[in-house]
């Protein structure tokens, strides 16, 4: 699955990932490749694991995530 991470209108990461975890109003959600279409508000933290890489965690203010199963778009304030 591809991740496109945008912060303050600037793309800060684009690449293939094996999973992403996001903190939402309803708790933590993990999105894997071929996930059903999904959109939600993101709060305070995201973590993603690049293919063949180590997990990266980012503290954020807030934003939203959308996935269609092949690409995951995350747009955050900071």
C-alpha atoms as a PDB file:
ATOM      1  CA  UNK A   1       0.000   0.000   0.000  1.00  0.00           C
ATOM      2  CA  UNK A   2       1.253   3.496  -0.755  1.00  0.00           C
ATOM      3  CA  UNK A   3       1.261   6.250   1.893  1.00  0.00           C
ATOM      4  CA  UNK A   4       1.054   9.929   0.994  1.00  0.00           C
ATOM      5  CA  UNK A   5       1.628  12.095   4.072  1.00  0.00           C
ATOM      6  CA  UNK A   6       0.940  15.825   3.721  1.00  0.00           C
ATOM      7  CA  UNK A   7       1.674  18.408   6.418  1.00  0.00           C
ATOM      8  CA  UNK A   8       0.988  22.130   6.022  1.00  0.00           C
ATOM      9  CA  UNK A   9       0.353  21.671   2.270  1.00  0.00           C
ATOM     10  CA  UNK A  10       3.771  20.027   1.782  1.00  0.00           C
ATOM     11  CA  UNK A  11       4.294  16.339   0.975  1.00  0.00           C
ATOM     12  CA  UNK A  12       6.637  15.022   3.687  1.00  0.00           C
ATOM     13  CA  UNK A  13       6.492  11.306   2.871  1.00  0.00           C
ATOM     14  CA  UNK A  14       5.439   9.170  -0.065  1.00  0.00           C
ATOM     15  CA  UNK A  15       6.276   5.504  -0.287  1.00  0.00           C
ATOM     16  CA  UNK A  16       5.173   1.924   0.123  1.00  0.00           C
ATOM     17  CA  UNK A  17       4.187   0.803   3.616  1.00  0.00           C
ATOM     18  CA  UNK A  18       3.058  -2.461   5.149  1.00  0.00           C
ATOM     19  CA  UNK A  19       0.737  -0.827   7.709  1.00  0.00           C
ATOM     20  CA  UNK A  20      -0.304   2.409   9.388  1.00  0.00           C
ATOM     21  CA  UNK A  21      -1.758   2.949  12.866  1.00  0.00           C
ATOM     22  CA  UNK A  22      -3.729   6.067  13.659  1.00  0.00           C
ATOM     23  CA  UNK A  23      -5.281   7.450  16.829  1.00  0.00           C
ATOM     24  CA  UNK A  24      -8.919   8.467  16.325  1.00  0.00           C
ATOM     25  CA  UNK A  25     -11.824   9.608  18.496  1.00  0.00           C
ATOM     26  CA  UNK A  26     -12.764   5.938  18.845  1.00  0.00           C
ATOM     27  CA  UNK A  27      -9.284   4.617  19.711  1.00  0.00           C
ATOM     28  CA  UNK A  28      -6.419   3.249  17.651  1.00  0.00           C
ATOM     29  CA  UNK A  29      -7.089   1.949  14.131  1.00  0.00           C
ATOM     30  CA  UNK A  30      -4.648  -0.125  12.071  1.00  0.00           C
ATOM     31  CA  UNK A  31      -4.910   0.036   8.278  1.00  0.00           C
ATOM     32  CA  UNK A  32      -3.386  -2.738   6.185  1.00  0.00           C
ATOM     33  CA  UNK A  33      -3.089  -3.147   2.392  1.00  0.00           C
ATOM     34  CA  UNK A  34      -6.428  -3.816   0.636  1.00  0.00           C
ATOM     35  CA  UNK A  35      -8.364  -2.255   3.539  1.00  0.00           C
ATOM     36  CA  UNK A  36     -11.928  -1.327   2.679  1.00  0.00           C
ATOM     37  CA  UNK A  37     -12.417   2.354   1.796  1.00  0.00           C
ATOM     38  CA  UNK A  38     -12.216   4.339   5.017  1.00  0.00           C
ATOM     39  CA  UNK A  39     -12.039   7.968   6.124  1.00  0.00           C
ATOM     40  CA  UNK A  40     -11.708   9.364   9.644  1.00  0.00           C
ATOM     41  CA  UNK A  41     -10.320  12.192  11.726  1.00  0.00           C
ATOM     42  CA  UNK A  42      -6.811  11.633  13.084  1.00  0.00           C
ATOM     43  CA  UNK A  43      -5.786  12.812  16.558  1.00  0.00           C
ATOM     44  CA  UNK A  44      -2.345  13.289  18.141  1.00  0.00           C
ATOM     45  CA  UNK A  45      -0.311  10.398  16.632  1.00  0.00           C
ATOM     46  CA  UNK A  46       0.302   8.196  13.592  1.00  0.00           C
ATOM     47  CA  UNK A  47       2.744   5.316  13.152  1.00  0.00           C
ATOM     48  CA  UNK A  48       3.641   3.658   9.870  1.00  0.00           C
ATOM     49  CA  UNK A  49       5.961   0.875   8.796  1.00  0.00           C
ATOM     50  CA  UNK A  50       7.678   1.228   5.411  1.00  0.00           C
ATOM     51  CA  UNK A  51       8.122  -1.998   3.463  1.00  0.00           C
ATOM     52  CA  UNK A  52      11.470  -3.434   4.625  1.00  0.00           C
ATOM     53  CA  UNK A  53      11.853  -0.628   7.151  1.00  0.00           C
ATOM     54  CA  UNK A  54      11.408   0.327  10.790  1.00  0.00           C
ATOM     55  CA  UNK A  55       8.269   1.798  12.293  1.00  0.00           C
ATOM     56  CA  UNK A  56       8.112   5.602  12.285  1.00  0.00           C
ATOM     57  CA  UNK A  57       5.931   7.486  14.791  1.00  0.00           C
ATOM     58  CA  UNK A  58       4.856  11.106  14.422  1.00  0.00           C
ATOM     59  CA  UNK A  59       3.091  13.321  16.933  1.00  0.00           C
ATOM     60  CA  UNK A  60       0.610  15.543  15.145  1.00  0.00           C
ATOM     61  CA  UNK A  61      -1.995  18.152  16.038  1.00  0.00           C
ATOM     62  CA  UNK A  62      -4.910  16.738  14.019  1.00  0.00           C
ATOM     63  CA  UNK A  63      -5.954  15.903  10.503  1.00  0.00           C
ATOM     64  CA  UNK A  64      -7.671  13.193   8.525  1.00  0.00           C
ATOM     65  CA  UNK A  65      -6.900   9.914   6.803  1.00  0.00           C
ATOM     66  CA  UNK A  66      -8.487   8.372   3.724  1.00  0.00           C
ATOM     67  CA  UNK A  67      -7.702   5.024   2.148  1.00  0.00           C
ATOM     68  CA  UNK A  68      -9.090   3.237  -0.866  1.00  0.00           C
ATOM     69  CA  UNK A  69      -7.183   0.037  -0.073  1.00  0.00           C
ATOM     70  CA  UNK A  70      -4.261   0.782  -2.405  1.00  0.00           C
ATOM     71  CA  UNK A  71      -3.257   4.275  -1.260  1.00  0.00           C
ATOM     72  CA  UNK A  72      -3.549   5.901   2.146  1.00  0.00           C
ATOM     73  CA  UNK A  73      -3.680   9.701   2.228  1.00  0.00           C
ATOM     74  CA  UNK A  74      -2.949  11.454   5.547  1.00  0.00           C
ATOM     75  CA  UNK A  75      -3.295  15.238   5.802  1.00  0.00           C
ATOM     76  CA  UNK A  76      -2.284  16.866   9.100  1.00  0.00           C
ATOM     77  CA  UNK A  77      -1.786  20.375  10.458  1.00  0.00           C
ATOM     78  CA  UNK A  78       1.629  19.677  12.049  1.00  0.00           C
END
